[in-house]
Amino acid sequence: MKRKLLLAVSILAVFVGCGQQPELNVNAEQNKTENNVTKPEVQQPKAVEVNNTKPQETDLTDNTNVEVTSNSINVPQNPQDNQQLAKSLSKEIVHFDFDKYNIRNDQMPIVQEVANLLKDTKGNFTVRIEGNCDEWGSDEYNYALGLKRAKTVKQALIDLGVDANKLTIISYGKSNPVCTAHTKTCWAKNRRDNFTLLP
């Protein structure tokens, strides 16, 4: 009887001991699961990095929108100013004496008015000063004389405070007359500098 009791107790002890081992294995599996949980936690910074790239893309898009908006603000203003400037410049004509390229005293107020127009207009633009001559003389001579007339007016505008980068010159010689009659009055009209706002 004692042997049976001892046998039963030892079997029970074995079962109890075996019953505790699965608990240890369960705990080990929980530790493994916790270790597995920590692995996704290590991966979380990667998810954070991905999230950080999205705001950067959004910021770039926002900056682009700001630049487009600022450009679109300037674009409507410049054409209006330029149209007004082009209209005003087309009325200004500097006349010269026969075979001369110096600015006459009575023409200096016109040069001053052109300088004021150019200094008062904001934005980027270029004005072409166009030298012209009457029909007397050769083509080569008149092209050279027209160029001297344009250079003289350009230098006068620069001396009056106009930015040299906004000015360009050309000579048409005698190829661009405003009057074609063979009279002194007509020749005098053709000895001139015109101003054109370039697009």
Protein backbone atom coordinates (compact mmCIF):
# COMPACT_ATOMS: atom_id res chain seq x y z
CA MET A 1 0.00 0.00 0.00
CA LYS A 2 2.82 2.32 0.88
CA ARG A 3 4.44 1.44 -2.40
CA LYS A 4 1.29 2.27 -4.31
CA LEU A 5 1.02 5.56 -2.45
CA LEU A 6 4.66 6.38 -3.17
CA LEU A 7 4.16 5.40 -6.78
CA ALA A 8 1.09 7.61 -7.03
CA VAL A 9 2.90 10.56 -5.39
CA SER A 10 5.90 10.19 -7.70
CA ILE A 11 3.61 9.97 -10.76
CA LEU A 12 1.78 13.02 -9.48
CA ALA A 13 5.08 14.82 -8.96
CA VAL A 14 6.09 13.97 -12.51
CA PHE A 15 2.78 15.28 -13.85
CA VAL A 16 3.02 18.40 -11.72
CA GLY A 17 6.59 18.92 -12.91
CA CYS A 18 5.53 18.43 -16.51
CA GLY A 19 2.66 20.77 -15.98
CA GLN A 20 5.05 23.52 -14.91
CA GLN A 21 7.29 23.12 -17.95
CA PRO A 22 4.62 24.20 -20.43
CA GLU A 23 4.12 27.29 -18.31
CA LEU A 24 7.81 28.02 -18.70
CA ASN A 25 7.47 27.43 -22.44
CA VAL A 26 4.49 29.75 -22.54
CA ASN A 27 6.52 32.41 -20.79
CA ALA A 28 9.33 31.83 -23.27
CA GLU A 29 6.85 32.18 -26.12
CA GLN A 30 5.57 35.39 -24.51
CA ASN A 31 9.15 36.62 -24.35
CA LYS A 32 9.52 35.71 -28.00
CA THR A 33 6.32 37.61 -28.79
CA GLU A 34 7.61 40.54 -26.78
CA ASN A 35 10.83 40.32 -28.75
CA ASN A 36 8.76 40.24 -31.91
CA VAL A 37 6.88 43.29 -30.68
CA THR A 38 10.13 45.10 -30.13
CA LYS A 39 11.11 44.39 -33.72
CA PRO A 40 8.14 46.32 -35.09
CA GLU A 41 9.04 49.05 -32.61
CA VAL A 42 12.47 49.18 -34.26
CA GLN A 43 10.67 49.48 -37.59
CA GLN A 44 8.53 52.36 -36.32
CA PRO A 45 11.25 54.96 -36.88
CA LYS A 46 11.18 53.92 -40.54
CA ALA A 47 7.49 54.70 -40.59
CA VAL A 48 8.29 58.04 -38.96
CA GLU A 49 10.87 58.76 -41.65
CA VAL A 50 8.27 58.06 -44.32
CA ASN A 51 5.91 60.41 -42.54
CA ASN A 52 8.65 63.06 -42.44
CA THR A 53 9.09 62.92 -46.19
CA LYS A 54 5.44 63.70 -46.79
CA PRO A 55 5.51 67.09 -45.03
CA GLN A 56 8.67 67.95 -46.94
CA GLU A 57 6.91 67.24 -50.22
CA THR A 58 4.01 69.35 -49.03
CA ASP A 59 6.39 72.16 -48.06
CA LEU A 60 7.99 72.08 -51.50
CA THR A 61 4.60 72.24 -53.10
CA ASP A 62 3.65 75.16 -50.86
CA ASN A 63 6.86 77.02 -51.76
CA THR A 64 6.19 76.45 -55.44
CA ASN A 65 2.71 77.84 -55.02
CA VAL A 66 4.13 80.90 -53.30
CA GLU A 67 6.55 81.52 -56.16
CA VAL A 68 3.86 81.10 -58.77
CA THR A 69 1.58 83.42 -56.84
CA SER A 70 4.27 86.07 -56.48
CA ASN A 71 5.04 85.87 -60.20
CA SER A 72 1.38 86.06 -61.06
CA ILE A 73 1.11 89.24 -58.98
CA ASN A 74 3.89 90.94 -60.93
CA VAL A 75 2.77 89.81 -64.38
CA PRO A 76 -0.50 91.77 -64.56
CA GLN A 77 1.16 94.99 -63.35
CA ASN A 78 4.04 95.10 -65.84
CA PRO A 79 2.01 94.96 -69.07
CA GLN A 80 -0.12 97.90 -67.95
CA ASP A 81 2.95 99.94 -67.02
CA ASN A 82 4.69 98.90 -70.22
CA GLN A 83 1.71 99.83 -72.39
CA GLN A 84 1.60 103.27 -70.83
CA LEU A 85 5.36 103.66 -71.20
CA ALA A 86 5.29 102.55 -74.85
CA LYS A 87 2.52 105.04 -75.62
CA SER A 88 4.35 107.89 -73.91
CA LEU A 89 7.69 107.09 -75.56
CA SER A 90 6.16 106.98 -79.03
CA LYS A 91 5.27 110.69 -78.65
CA GLU A 92 8.83 111.71 -77.74
CA ILE A 93 11.11 112.62 -80.68
CA VAL A 94 14.52 114.30 -80.49
CA HIS A 95 15.40 116.28 -83.65
CA PHE A 96 18.86 117.15 -84.94
CA ASP A 97 20.38 119.76 -87.21
CA PHE A 98 21.63 118.87 -90.67
CA ASP A 99 24.73 116.65 -90.50
CA LYS A 100 24.91 116.98 -86.67
CA TYR A 101 24.53 114.55 -83.77
CA ASN A 102 24.81 116.87 -80.78
CA ILE A 103 21.57 117.53 -78.84
CA ARG A 104 20.23 121.02 -79.43
CA ASN A 105 19.25 123.16 -76.43
CA ASP A 106 15.60 123.18 -77.48
CA GLN A 107 15.63 119.34 -77.55
CA MET A 108 17.04 118.83 -74.03
CA PRO A 109 13.59 119.10 -72.33
CA ILE A 110 12.46 116.15 -74.49
CA VAL A 111 15.48 114.09 -73.37
CA GLN A 112 14.71 115.06 -69.76
CA GLU A 113 11.08 113.95 -70.18
CA VAL A 114 12.20 110.58 -71.57
CA ALA A 115 14.58 110.17 -68.62
CA ASN A 116 11.76 110.90 -66.17
CA LEU A 117 9.49 108.37 -67.86
CA LEU A 118 12.14 105.66 -67.70
CA LYS A 119 13.09 106.35 -64.08
CA ASP A 120 9.46 106.44 -62.92
CA THR A 121 8.52 103.13 -64.54
CA LYS A 122 9.21 100.09 -62.33
CA GLY A 123 10.13 96.62 -63.52
CA ASN A 124 12.38 95.19 -66.19
CA PHE A 125 12.19 96.70 -69.66
CA THR A 126 14.44 97.77 -72.51
CA VAL A 127 14.06 100.89 -74.63
CA ARG A 128 15.59 101.08 -78.08
CA ILE A 129 16.90 104.48 -79.18
CA GLU A 130 16.58 104.65 -82.96
CA GLY A 131 18.82 107.04 -84.91
CA ASN A 132 17.47 108.34 -88.24
CA CYS A 133 18.74 110.63 -90.99
CA ASP A 134 17.49 112.56 -94.00
CA GLU A 135 18.06 111.37 -97.56
CA TRP A 136 21.29 113.32 -98.13
CA GLY A 137 24.52 111.34 -98.20
CA SER A 138 25.38 107.70 -98.75
CA ASP A 139 23.79 104.80 -96.90
CA GLU A 140 27.02 104.08 -95.01
CA TYR A 141 27.44 107.70 -93.97
CA ASN A 142 23.85 107.97 -92.76
CA TYR A 143 24.00 104.69 -90.82
CA ALA A 144 27.08 105.99 -89.01
CA LEU A 145 25.44 109.38 -88.36
CA GLY A 146 22.24 107.74 -87.08
CA LEU A 147 24.31 105.61 -84.71
CA LYS A 148 26.10 108.69 -83.36
CA ARG A 149 22.74 110.39 -82.77
CA ALA A 150 21.45 107.38 -80.86
CA LYS A 151 24.66 107.12 -78.79
CA THR A 152 24.50 110.80 -77.87
CA VAL A 153 20.95 110.53 -76.57
CA LYS A 154 21.73 107.29 -74.74
CA GLN A 155 24.65 108.94 -72.93
CA ALA A 156 22.48 111.95 -72.05
CA LEU A 157 19.84 109.63 -70.52
CA ILE A 158 22.49 107.79 -68.52
CA ASP A 159 23.83 111.14 -67.27
CA LEU A 160 20.27 111.96 -66.15
CA GLY A 161 20.12 108.78 -64.04
CA VAL A 162 18.65 106.16 -66.37
CA ASP A 163 20.03 102.63 -65.97
CA ALA A 164 22.31 101.90 -68.95
CA ASN A 165 21.15 98.26 -68.96
CA LYS A 166 17.65 99.43 -69.94
CA LEU A 167 18.89 101.18 -73.09
CA THR A 168 19.93 99.86 -76.48
CA ILE A 169 20.65 101.70 -79.72
CA ILE A 170 20.20 101.16 -83.45
CA SER A 171 20.65 103.20 -86.60
CA TYR A 172 18.23 103.11 -89.51
CA GLY A 173 20.20 105.67 -91.48
CA LYS A 174 17.94 107.11 -94.16
CA SER A 175 15.90 103.89 -94.60
CA ASN A 176 13.08 104.82 -92.18
CA PRO A 177 11.74 108.27 -93.14
CA VAL A 178 8.56 109.71 -91.62
CA CYS A 179 8.23 112.11 -94.53
CA THR A 180 9.11 111.44 -98.17
CA ALA A 181 8.66 114.86 -99.77
CA HIS A 182 11.86 116.46 -101.04
CA THR A 183 11.59 119.62 -98.93
CA LYS A 184 13.60 121.19 -96.12
CA THR A 185 10.69 120.72 -93.71
CA CYS A 186 10.48 117.04 -94.55
CA TRP A 187 14.23 116.51 -94.25
CA ALA A 188 14.20 118.19 -90.84
CA LYS A 189 11.51 115.74 -89.65
CA ASN A 190 13.64 112.77 -90.70
CA ARG A 191 16.74 113.89 -88.73
CA ARG A 192 15.63 112.39 -85.44
CA ASP A 193 15.83 109.83 -82.64
CA ASN A 194 12.75 107.77 -81.79
CA PHE A 195 12.17 105.62 -78.69
CA THR A 196 10.63 102.14 -78.82
CA LEU A 197 9.84 99.91 -75.88
CA LEU A 198 10.99 96.40 -76.74
CA PRO A 199 8.65 93.48 -75.96
